[in-house]
Amino acid sequence: MSAATSRALADAVLLLHAAVVLFVIGGLVLIVIGQRWHWRWVNGWWFRVAHLLAIAIVVAESWIGLTCPLTTLESWLRARGGGPAYAQGFVEHWVQRLLYYDAPPWVFVLAYSVFALGVAAVWWRWPPRR
């Protein structure tokens, strides 16, 4: 694999990672708003299960101290592309500003756990429909 291909794949992984984050955060917001506006699709079984599974994976990774596999893959691809783990290309620069923060690990464990409790509360308050 060429260096340029590795960098392009790293950017693709970064965008996928951003999409997952958007799905987790935006999904909860859409579920709550959708209840107000009576959007039936926000209670769809597969949407709700996928959303619950996504945050459950994030929380489990944080509790056991596992680095997200998407982060690991992206970093490996960047190194393979001949650059540092987070060289500042256009896509990298802007998407990384949205995704990565410098804080102690316990901050993320707490934030993910509290967010997961919010997802569970919404699941209980507005259960999905089959």
C-alpha atoms as a PDB file:
ATOM      1  CA  MET A   1       0.000   0.000   0.000  1.00  0.00           C
ATOM      2  CA  SER A   2       1.393   3.392  -0.939  1.00  0.00           C
ATOM      3  CA  ALA A   3       1.873   6.222   1.550  1.00  0.00           C
ATOM      4  CA  ALA A   4      -0.789   8.278  -0.215  1.00  0.00           C
ATOM      5  CA  THR A   5      -3.258   5.383  -0.013  1.00  0.00           C
ATOM      6  CA  SER A   6      -2.532   4.949   3.694  1.00  0.00           C
ATOM      7  CA  ARG A   7      -3.131   8.643   4.358  1.00  0.00           C
ATOM      8  CA  ALA A   8      -6.380   8.571   2.355  1.00  0.00           C
ATOM      9  CA  LEU A   9      -7.576   5.503   4.266  1.00  0.00           C
ATOM     10  CA  ALA A  10      -6.649   7.200   7.547  1.00  0.00           C
ATOM     11  CA  ASP A  11      -8.797  10.184   6.546  1.00  0.00           C
ATOM     12  CA  ALA A  12     -11.646   7.800   5.667  1.00  0.00           C
ATOM     13  CA  VAL A  13     -11.363   6.113   9.080  1.00  0.00           C
ATOM     14  CA  LEU A  14     -11.370   9.531  10.745  1.00  0.00           C
ATOM     15  CA  LEU A  15     -14.555  10.487   8.880  1.00  0.00           C
ATOM     16  CA  LEU A  16     -16.147   7.146   9.820  1.00  0.00           C
ATOM     17  CA  HIS A  17     -15.216   7.806  13.448  1.00  0.00           C
ATOM     18  CA  ALA A  18     -16.836  11.248  13.240  1.00  0.00           C
ATOM     19  CA  ALA A  19     -19.958   9.662  11.742  1.00  0.00           C
ATOM     20  CA  VAL A  20     -20.168   7.196  14.640  1.00  0.00           C
ATOM     21  CA  VAL A  21     -19.834  10.052  17.154  1.00  0.00           C
ATOM     22  CA  LEU A  22     -22.509  12.015  15.291  1.00  0.00           C
ATOM     23  CA  PHE A  23     -24.796   8.960  15.303  1.00  0.00           C
ATOM     24  CA  VAL A  24     -24.368   8.428  19.043  1.00  0.00           C
ATOM     25  CA  ILE A  25     -24.870  12.067  20.049  1.00  0.00           C
ATOM     26  CA  GLY A  26     -27.244  13.084  17.284  1.00  0.00           C
ATOM     27  CA  GLY A  27     -29.246   9.882  17.638  1.00  0.00           C
ATOM     28  CA  LEU A  28     -30.154  10.698  21.226  1.00  0.00           C
ATOM     29  CA  VAL A  29     -31.077  14.260  20.295  1.00  0.00           C
ATOM     30  CA  LEU A  30     -33.240  13.015  17.409  1.00  0.00           C
ATOM     31  CA  ILE A  31     -34.998  10.474  19.637  1.00  0.00           C
ATOM     32  CA  VAL A  32     -35.932  13.154  22.161  1.00  0.00           C
ATOM     33  CA  ILE A  33     -36.972  15.702  19.515  1.00  0.00           C
ATOM     34  CA  GLY A  34     -38.768  12.994  17.559  1.00  0.00           C
ATOM     35  CA  GLN A  35     -40.988  12.232  20.537  1.00  0.00           C
ATOM     36  CA  ARG A  36     -42.113  15.848  20.619  1.00  0.00           C
ATOM     37  CA  TRP A  37     -42.821  15.925  16.899  1.00  0.00           C
ATOM     38  CA  HIS A  38     -44.233  12.365  16.744  1.00  0.00           C
ATOM     39  CA  TRP A  39     -41.631  11.014  14.349  1.00  0.00           C
ATOM     40  CA  ARG A  40     -42.347   7.279  14.353  1.00  0.00           C
ATOM     41  CA  TRP A  41     -38.995   6.307  12.865  1.00  0.00           C
ATOM     42  CA  VAL A  42     -37.078   7.425  15.983  1.00  0.00           C
ATOM     43  CA  ASN A  43     -38.666   4.523  17.844  1.00  0.00           C
ATOM     44  CA  GLY A  44     -37.811   1.992  15.156  1.00  0.00           C
ATOM     45  CA  TRP A  45     -36.377  -1.179  16.689  1.00  0.00           C
ATOM     46  CA  TRP A  46     -33.211  -1.370  14.569  1.00  0.00           C
ATOM     47  CA  PHE A  47     -32.394   2.316  14.935  1.00  0.00           C
ATOM     48  CA  ARG A  48     -32.774   2.161  18.711  1.00  0.00           C
ATOM     49  CA  VAL A  49     -30.842  -1.111  19.092  1.00  0.00           C
ATOM     50  CA  ALA A  50     -28.004   0.207  16.906  1.00  0.00           C
ATOM     51  CA  HIS A  51     -27.917   3.401  18.960  1.00  0.00           C
ATOM     52  CA  LEU A  52     -27.896   1.541  22.282  1.00  0.00           C
ATOM     53  CA  LEU A  53     -25.209  -0.853  21.055  1.00  0.00           C
ATOM     54  CA  ALA A  54     -23.019   2.026  19.834  1.00  0.00           C
ATOM     55  CA  ILE A  55     -22.981   3.815  23.195  1.00  0.00           C
ATOM     56  CA  ALA A  56     -22.614   0.496  25.050  1.00  0.00           C
ATOM     57  CA  ILE A  57     -19.432  -0.235  23.092  1.00  0.00           C
ATOM     58  CA  VAL A  58     -18.047   3.247  23.812  1.00  0.00           C
ATOM     59  CA  VAL A  59     -18.756   2.890  27.536  1.00  0.00           C
ATOM     60  CA  ALA A  60     -17.331  -0.639  27.714  1.00  0.00           C
ATOM     61  CA  GLU A  61     -14.128   0.483  25.985  1.00  0.00           C
ATOM     62  CA  SER A  62     -13.746   3.374  28.411  1.00  0.00           C
ATOM     63  CA  TRP A  63     -14.405   1.251  31.503  1.00  0.00           C
ATOM     64  CA  ILE A  64     -11.771  -1.316  30.554  1.00  0.00           C
ATOM     65  CA  GLY A  65      -9.319   1.292  29.306  1.00  0.00           C
ATOM     66  CA  LEU A  66      -9.345   0.147  25.684  1.00  0.00           C
ATOM     67  CA  THR A  67      -8.440   2.657  22.983  1.00  0.00           C
ATOM     68  CA  CYS A  68     -11.121   2.813  20.324  1.00  0.00           C
ATOM     69  CA  PRO A  69     -10.206   0.464  17.445  1.00  0.00           C
ATOM     70  CA  LEU A  70     -10.986   3.238  14.957  1.00  0.00           C
ATOM     71  CA  THR A  71      -8.429   5.499  16.652  1.00  0.00           C
ATOM     72  CA  THR A  72      -5.864   2.683  16.630  1.00  0.00           C
ATOM     73  CA  LEU A  73      -6.502   1.906  12.951  1.00  0.00           C
ATOM     74  CA  GLU A  74      -6.297   5.553  11.945  1.00  0.00           C
ATOM     75  CA  SER A  75      -3.041   6.066  13.826  1.00  0.00           C
ATOM     76  CA  TRP A  76      -1.526   2.935  12.270  1.00  0.00           C
ATOM     77  CA  LEU A  77      -2.533   4.091   8.785  1.00  0.00           C
ATOM     78  CA  ARG A  78      -1.048   7.539   9.385  1.00  0.00           C
ATOM     79  CA  ALA A  79       2.238   6.038  10.566  1.00  0.00           C
ATOM     80  CA  ARG A  80       2.224   3.694   7.568  1.00  0.00           C
ATOM     81  CA  GLY A  81       1.637   6.739   5.359  1.00  0.00           C
ATOM     82  CA  GLY A  82       4.960   8.138   6.521  1.00  0.00           C
ATOM     83  CA  GLY A  83       3.660  10.823   8.812  1.00  0.00           C
ATOM     84  CA  PRO A  84       3.161  11.282  12.503  1.00  0.00           C
ATOM     85  CA  ALA A  85       0.042   9.763  14.015  1.00  0.00           C
ATOM     86  CA  TYR A  86      -1.868  13.013  13.494  1.00  0.00           C
ATOM     87  CA  ALA A  87      -0.243  14.989  10.693  1.00  0.00           C
ATOM     88  CA  GLN A  88      -2.289  18.081   9.961  1.00  0.00           C
ATOM     89  CA  GLY A  89      -4.000  17.579   6.631  1.00  0.00           C
ATOM     90  CA  PHE A  90      -7.197  19.489   5.908  1.00  0.00           C
ATOM     91  CA  VAL A  91      -9.620  16.704   6.852  1.00  0.00           C
ATOM     92  CA  GLU A  92      -7.535  15.680   9.846  1.00  0.00           C
ATOM     93  CA  HIS A  93      -7.248  19.209  11.179  1.00  0.00           C
ATOM     94  CA  TRP A  94     -10.975  19.958  11.276  1.00  0.00           C
ATOM     95  CA  VAL A  95     -12.395  16.563  12.200  1.00  0.00           C
ATOM     96  CA  GLN A  96      -9.792  15.982  14.925  1.00  0.00           C
ATOM     97  CA  ARG A  97     -10.705  19.299  16.524  1.00  0.00           C
ATOM     98  CA  LEU A  98     -14.224  17.908  16.924  1.00  0.00           C
ATOM     99  CA  LEU A  99     -13.234  14.446  18.163  1.00  0.00           C
ATOM    100  CA  TYR A 100     -10.117  14.582  20.291  1.00  0.00           C
ATOM    101  CA  TYR A 101      -9.693  16.359  23.582  1.00  0.00           C
ATOM    102  CA  ASP A 102      -6.856  16.328  26.090  1.00  0.00           C
ATOM    103  CA  ALA A 103      -8.301  15.337  29.466  1.00  0.00           C
ATOM    104  CA  PRO A 104      -7.654  12.653  32.060  1.00  0.00           C
ATOM    105  CA  PRO A 105      -9.207   9.260  31.213  1.00  0.00           C
ATOM    106  CA  TRP A 106     -11.650   9.432  34.128  1.00  0.00           C
ATOM    107  CA  VAL A 107     -13.308  12.474  32.529  1.00  0.00           C
ATOM    108  CA  PHE A 108     -14.188  10.429  29.449  1.00  0.00           C
ATOM    109  CA  VAL A 109     -15.314   7.413  31.481  1.00  0.00           C
ATOM    110  CA  LEU A 110     -17.644   9.681  33.466  1.00  0.00           C
ATOM    111  CA  ALA A 111     -18.931  11.551  30.393  1.00  0.00           C
ATOM    112  CA  TYR A 112     -19.592   8.351  28.428  1.00  0.00           C
ATOM    113  CA  SER A 113     -21.262   6.725  31.425  1.00  0.00           C
ATOM    114  CA  VAL A 114     -23.546   9.704  32.088  1.00  0.00           C
ATOM    115  CA  PHE A 115     -24.437   9.868  28.401  1.00  0.00           C
ATOM    116  CA  ALA A 116     -25.224   6.127  28.431  1.00  0.00           C
ATOM    117  CA  LEU A 117     -27.535   6.686  31.413  1.00  0.00           C
ATOM    118  CA  GLY A 118     -29.319   9.298  29.299  1.00  0.00           C
ATOM    119  CA  VAL A 119     -29.695   6.776  26.473  1.00  0.00           C
ATOM    120  CA  ALA A 120     -31.060   4.214  28.962  1.00  0.00           C
ATOM    121  CA  ALA A 121     -33.510   6.776  30.361  1.00  0.00           C
ATOM    122  CA  VAL A 122     -34.776   7.575  26.868  1.00  0.00           C
ATOM    123  CA  TRP A 123     -35.027   3.828  26.119  1.00  0.00           C
ATOM    124  CA  TRP A 124     -37.156   3.420  29.259  1.00  0.00           C
ATOM    125  CA  ARG A 125     -39.237   6.579  28.716  1.00  0.00           C
ATOM    126  CA  TRP A 126     -39.868   5.976  25.008  1.00  0.00           C
ATOM    127  CA  PRO A 127     -39.248   2.287  24.310  1.00  0.00           C
ATOM    128  CA  PRO A 128     -38.568   1.216  20.728  1.00  0.00           C
ATOM    129  CA  ARG A 129     -41.260  -0.418  18.650  1.00  0.00           C
ATOM    130  CA  ARG A 130     -40.872  -3.576  16.669  1.00  0.00           C
END
